[in-house]
Amino acid sequence: MDTDTTIQRDYAAARLQLPLGTAITVLHIGEAATVLAVGREAEPSAVLSLAIGSQKTAAAFFKHTPPTPGEIENAIMVVEDEVTLARHLVAGHTTLFSADAALLAMAAIVGINTVHNRSMSLETVEGLFDLLAALSQGRPAASAGIPDTPHFAA
């Protein structure tokens, strides 16, 4: 399934969870691009494709397994620059949705049962990043509880 079809499908599914008029943002992290769909109605009012994706980012920045702190820092700078392009779309209060398998796997790592709870706090995401940072600094993958792959880091 292509990225455009995936984001449209995911937006429609997310839209069913909140009343029309409520701002939602749907995120899809593909292999070559990351796509956001935003809106308050049945159809998204805007769709934005960012030039960052899991495989693309991993291939461009991560030469080691696990990635080194410097590789992660370089990737973060590029990702932050791309994400800044979406700021105007998600300004204000919006609910973020994603059906990405990788994000659901991350939720499972931190003990979130995605069948009953599809909510991950910012603190939880930051905790996952802290685990990744510890892994990049030599903590064994088994004790970090996360995969040591460049794809996961991306």
C-alpha atoms as a PDB file:
ATOM      1  CA  MET A   1       0.000   0.000   0.000  1.00  0.00           C
ATOM      2  CA  ASP A   2       1.435   3.405  -0.934  1.00  0.00           C
ATOM      3  CA  THR A   3       1.966   6.230   1.553  1.00  0.00           C
ATOM      4  CA  ASP A   4      -0.936   8.353   0.223  1.00  0.00           C
ATOM      5  CA  THR A   5      -3.383   5.465   0.573  1.00  0.00           C
ATOM      6  CA  THR A   6      -2.042   4.618   4.043  1.00  0.00           C
ATOM      7  CA  ILE A   7      -2.385   8.166   5.391  1.00  0.00           C
ATOM      8  CA  GLN A   8      -5.910   8.528   3.987  1.00  0.00           C
ATOM      9  CA  ARG A   9      -6.950   5.189   5.530  1.00  0.00           C
ATOM     10  CA  ASP A  10      -5.359   6.057   8.880  1.00  0.00           C
ATOM     11  CA  TYR A  11      -6.954   9.517   8.898  1.00  0.00           C
ATOM     12  CA  ALA A  12     -10.404   8.028   8.264  1.00  0.00           C
ATOM     13  CA  ALA A  13      -9.926   5.530  11.107  1.00  0.00           C
ATOM     14  CA  ALA A  14      -8.684   8.204  13.519  1.00  0.00           C
ATOM     15  CA  ARG A  15     -11.484  10.562  12.545  1.00  0.00           C
ATOM     16  CA  LEU A  16     -14.029   7.999  13.797  1.00  0.00           C
ATOM     17  CA  GLN A  17     -12.558   8.217  17.311  1.00  0.00           C
ATOM     18  CA  LEU A  18     -13.289  11.905  17.913  1.00  0.00           C
ATOM     19  CA  PRO A  19     -16.204  14.148  16.938  1.00  0.00           C
ATOM     20  CA  LEU A  20     -16.062  16.239  13.767  1.00  0.00           C
ATOM     21  CA  GLY A  21     -14.643  19.652  14.555  1.00  0.00           C
ATOM     22  CA  THR A  22     -11.967  18.204  16.847  1.00  0.00           C
ATOM     23  CA  ALA A  23      -8.455  18.781  15.522  1.00  0.00           C
ATOM     24  CA  ILE A  24      -6.531  15.597  14.764  1.00  0.00           C
ATOM     25  CA  THR A  25      -3.120  14.885  13.307  1.00  0.00           C
ATOM     26  CA  VAL A  26      -2.320  11.483  11.834  1.00  0.00           C
ATOM     27  CA  LEU A  27       1.312  10.428  11.553  1.00  0.00           C
ATOM     28  CA  HIS A  28       2.699   7.750   9.257  1.00  0.00           C
ATOM     29  CA  ILE A  29       6.429   7.061   9.322  1.00  0.00           C
ATOM     30  CA  GLY A  30       7.207   5.283   6.078  1.00  0.00           C
ATOM     31  CA  GLU A  31      10.525   3.890   4.909  1.00  0.00           C
ATOM     32  CA  ALA A  32      11.362   6.879   2.680  1.00  0.00           C
ATOM     33  CA  ALA A  33       9.059   9.625   3.992  1.00  0.00           C
ATOM     34  CA  THR A  34       6.977  10.653   6.966  1.00  0.00           C
ATOM     35  CA  VAL A  35       3.481  11.909   6.202  1.00  0.00           C
ATOM     36  CA  LEU A  36       1.111  13.984   8.329  1.00  0.00           C
ATOM     37  CA  ALA A  37      -2.594  14.482   7.681  1.00  0.00           C
ATOM     38  CA  VAL A  38      -4.401  17.141   9.704  1.00  0.00           C
ATOM     39  CA  GLY A  39      -7.936  18.347   9.937  1.00  0.00           C
ATOM     40  CA  ARG A  40     -11.185  18.801  11.794  1.00  0.00           C
ATOM     41  CA  GLU A  41     -13.568  17.250   9.279  1.00  0.00           C
ATOM     42  CA  ALA A  42     -14.114  13.893   7.533  1.00  0.00           C
ATOM     43  CA  GLU A  43     -11.314  14.641   5.050  1.00  0.00           C
ATOM     44  CA  PRO A  44      -7.935  16.084   6.014  1.00  0.00           C
ATOM     45  CA  SER A  45      -7.535  19.801   5.366  1.00  0.00           C
ATOM     46  CA  ALA A  46      -3.826  19.300   4.654  1.00  0.00           C
ATOM     47  CA  VAL A  47      -1.388  16.475   3.997  1.00  0.00           C
ATOM     48  CA  LEU A  48       2.353  17.060   4.278  1.00  0.00           C
ATOM     49  CA  SER A  49       5.139  14.692   3.279  1.00  0.00           C
ATOM     50  CA  LEU A  50       8.472  15.132   5.061  1.00  0.00           C
ATOM     51  CA  ALA A  51      11.744  13.902   3.543  1.00  0.00           C
ATOM     52  CA  ILE A  52      12.507  11.634   6.497  1.00  0.00           C
ATOM     53  CA  GLY A  53      11.635   7.971   6.840  1.00  0.00           C
ATOM     54  CA  SER A  54      12.805   5.042   8.926  1.00  0.00           C
ATOM     55  CA  GLN A  55      14.957   3.322   6.279  1.00  0.00           C
ATOM     56  CA  LYS A  56      16.113   6.566   4.672  1.00  0.00           C
ATOM     57  CA  THR A  57      17.230   8.008   8.019  1.00  0.00           C
ATOM     58  CA  ALA A  58      18.867   4.766   9.137  1.00  0.00           C
ATOM     59  CA  ALA A  59      20.806   4.453   5.867  1.00  0.00           C
ATOM     60  CA  ALA A  60      21.873   8.095   5.840  1.00  0.00           C
ATOM     61  CA  PHE A  61      23.054   8.401   9.439  1.00  0.00           C
ATOM     62  CA  PHE A  62      23.510   5.097  11.231  1.00  0.00           C
ATOM     63  CA  LYS A  63      26.686   3.251  10.277  1.00  0.00           C
ATOM     64  CA  HIS A  64      27.010   1.339  13.563  1.00  0.00           C
ATOM     65  CA  THR A  65      24.802  -1.115  15.463  1.00  0.00           C
ATOM     66  CA  PRO A  66      23.728   0.340  17.755  1.00  0.00           C
ATOM     67  CA  PRO A  67      24.122   3.841  16.352  1.00  0.00           C
ATOM     68  CA  THR A  68      26.700   5.992  18.100  1.00  0.00           C
ATOM     69  CA  PRO A  69      25.745   9.122  20.073  1.00  0.00           C
ATOM     70  CA  GLY A  70      27.213  11.295  17.289  1.00  0.00           C
ATOM     71  CA  GLU A  71      25.191   9.483  14.617  1.00  0.00           C
ATOM     72  CA  ILE A  72      22.027   9.936  16.647  1.00  0.00           C
ATOM     73  CA  GLU A  73      22.767  13.629  17.205  1.00  0.00           C
ATOM     74  CA  ASN A  74      23.330  14.209  13.473  1.00  0.00           C
ATOM     75  CA  ALA A  75      20.076  12.436  12.628  1.00  0.00           C
ATOM     76  CA  ILE A  76      18.197  14.467  15.241  1.00  0.00           C
ATOM     77  CA  MET A  77      19.343  17.745  13.671  1.00  0.00           C
ATOM     78  CA  VAL A  78      18.026  16.745  10.242  1.00  0.00           C
ATOM     79  CA  VAL A  79      14.786  15.294  11.625  1.00  0.00           C
ATOM     80  CA  GLU A  80      14.147  18.435  13.694  1.00  0.00           C
ATOM     81  CA  ASP A  81      14.657  20.615  10.607  1.00  0.00           C
ATOM     82  CA  GLU A  82      12.113  18.538   8.660  1.00  0.00           C
ATOM     83  CA  VAL A  83       9.602  18.399  11.509  1.00  0.00           C
ATOM     84  CA  THR A  84       9.759  22.192  11.757  1.00  0.00           C
ATOM     85  CA  LEU A  85       8.080  22.275   8.334  1.00  0.00           C
ATOM     86  CA  ALA A  86       4.961  20.789   9.940  1.00  0.00           C
ATOM     87  CA  ARG A  87       4.697  23.267  12.835  1.00  0.00           C
ATOM     88  CA  HIS A  88       2.177  25.517  11.106  1.00  0.00           C
ATOM     89  CA  LEU A  89      -0.100  22.522  10.429  1.00  0.00           C
ATOM     90  CA  VAL A  90      -0.220  21.294  14.023  1.00  0.00           C
ATOM     91  CA  ALA A  91      -0.236  24.646  15.833  1.00  0.00           C
ATOM     92  CA  GLY A  92      -2.665  24.673  18.733  1.00  0.00           C
ATOM     93  CA  HIS A  93      -4.258  21.714  20.418  1.00  0.00           C
ATOM     94  CA  THR A  94      -4.505  18.579  18.297  1.00  0.00           C
ATOM     95  CA  THR A  95      -4.702  14.875  19.081  1.00  0.00           C
ATOM     96  CA  LEU A  96      -1.970  12.804  17.444  1.00  0.00           C
ATOM     97  CA  PHE A  97      -2.792   9.376  16.012  1.00  0.00           C
ATOM     98  CA  SER A  98      -0.670   6.697  14.356  1.00  0.00           C
ATOM     99  CA  ALA A  99      -1.283   3.116  13.321  1.00  0.00           C
ATOM    100  CA  ASP A 100       2.369   2.428  12.497  1.00  0.00           C
ATOM    101  CA  ALA A 101       3.562  -1.005  13.573  1.00  0.00           C
ATOM    102  CA  ALA A 102       6.888   0.435  14.769  1.00  0.00           C
ATOM    103  CA  LEU A 103       5.156   2.916  17.062  1.00  0.00           C
ATOM    104  CA  LEU A 104       2.843   0.212  18.405  1.00  0.00           C
ATOM    105  CA  ALA A 105       5.919  -1.933  19.093  1.00  0.00           C
ATOM    106  CA  MET A 106       7.481   0.968  20.997  1.00  0.00           C
ATOM    107  CA  ALA A 107       4.324   1.266  23.068  1.00  0.00           C
ATOM    108  CA  ALA A 108       4.538  -2.442  23.888  1.00  0.00           C
ATOM    109  CA  ILE A 109       8.165  -2.039  25.002  1.00  0.00           C
ATOM    110  CA  VAL A 110       7.078   0.462  27.646  1.00  0.00           C
ATOM    111  CA  GLY A 111       4.173  -1.748  28.730  1.00  0.00           C
ATOM    112  CA  ILE A 112       1.292  -0.024  26.979  1.00  0.00           C
ATOM    113  CA  ASN A 113      -1.395  -2.461  25.871  1.00  0.00           C
ATOM    114  CA  THR A 114      -2.413  -0.883  22.566  1.00  0.00           C
ATOM    115  CA  VAL A 115      -5.646  -2.862  22.412  1.00  0.00           C
ATOM    116  CA  HIS A 116      -7.035  -1.019  25.440  1.00  0.00           C
ATOM    117  CA  ASN A 117      -4.806   2.048  25.641  1.00  0.00           C
ATOM    118  CA  ARG A 118      -3.584   3.817  22.545  1.00  0.00           C
ATOM    119  CA  SER A 119      -2.117   6.747  24.421  1.00  0.00           C
ATOM    120  CA  MET A 120       1.572   7.404  24.935  1.00  0.00           C
ATOM    121  CA  SER A 121       2.634  10.445  26.926  1.00  0.00           C
ATOM    122  CA  LEU A 122       5.473  12.734  25.956  1.00  0.00           C
ATOM    123  CA  GLU A 123       7.294  11.521  29.072  1.00  0.00           C
ATOM    124  CA  THR A 124       7.030   7.928  27.817  1.00  0.00           C
ATOM    125  CA  VAL A 125       8.458   8.882  24.427  1.00  0.00           C
ATOM    126  CA  GLU A 126      11.291  10.737  26.149  1.00  0.00           C
ATOM    127  CA  GLY A 127      11.905   7.640  28.301  1.00  0.00           C
ATOM    128  CA  LEU A 128      12.281   5.540  25.151  1.00  0.00           C
ATOM    129  CA  PHE A 129      14.748   8.062  23.798  1.00  0.00           C
ATOM    130  CA  ASP A 130      16.702   7.882  27.066  1.00  0.00           C
ATOM    131  CA  LEU A 131      16.920   4.087  26.610  1.00  0.00           C
ATOM    132  CA  LEU A 132      18.186   4.597  23.061  1.00  0.00           C
ATOM    133  CA  ALA A 133      20.780   7.106  24.295  1.00  0.00           C
ATOM    134  CA  ALA A 134      21.968   4.638  26.960  1.00  0.00           C
ATOM    135  CA  LEU A 135      22.199   1.905  24.327  1.00  0.00           C
ATOM    136  CA  SER A 136      24.289   4.148  22.074  1.00  0.00           C
ATOM    137  CA  GLN A 137      26.660   4.750  24.982  1.00  0.00           C
ATOM    138  CA  GLY A 138      27.290   1.058  25.539  1.00  0.00           C
ATOM    139  CA  ARG A 139      24.429  -0.245  27.653  1.00  0.00           C
ATOM    140  CA  PRO A 140      23.667  -3.831  26.556  1.00  0.00           C
ATOM    141  CA  ALA A 141      20.548  -4.103  24.391  1.00  0.00           C
ATOM    142  CA  ALA A 142      19.056  -6.793  26.619  1.00  0.00           C
ATOM    143  CA  SER A 143      19.186  -4.545  29.682  1.00  0.00           C
ATOM    144  CA  ALA A 144      17.946  -1.512  27.739  1.00  0.00           C
ATOM    145  CA  GLY A 145      14.897  -3.519  26.641  1.00  0.00           C
ATOM    146  CA  ILE A 146      14.913  -2.100  23.129  1.00  0.00           C
ATOM    147  CA  PRO A 147      16.221  -3.316  19.767  1.00  0.00           C
ATOM    148  CA  ASP A 148      19.743  -2.122  18.938  1.00  0.00           C
ATOM    149  CA  THR A 149      19.029  -1.788  15.216  1.00  0.00           C
ATOM    150  CA  PRO A 150      19.497   1.377  13.154  1.00  0.00           C
ATOM    151  CA  HIS A 151      15.902   1.001  11.902  1.00  0.00           C
ATOM    152  CA  PHE A 152      14.531   1.162  15.460  1.00  0.00           C
ATOM    153  CA  ALA A 153      16.750   4.159  16.251  1.00  0.00           C
ATOM    154  CA  ALA A 154      15.446   5.979  13.174  1.00  0.00           C
END
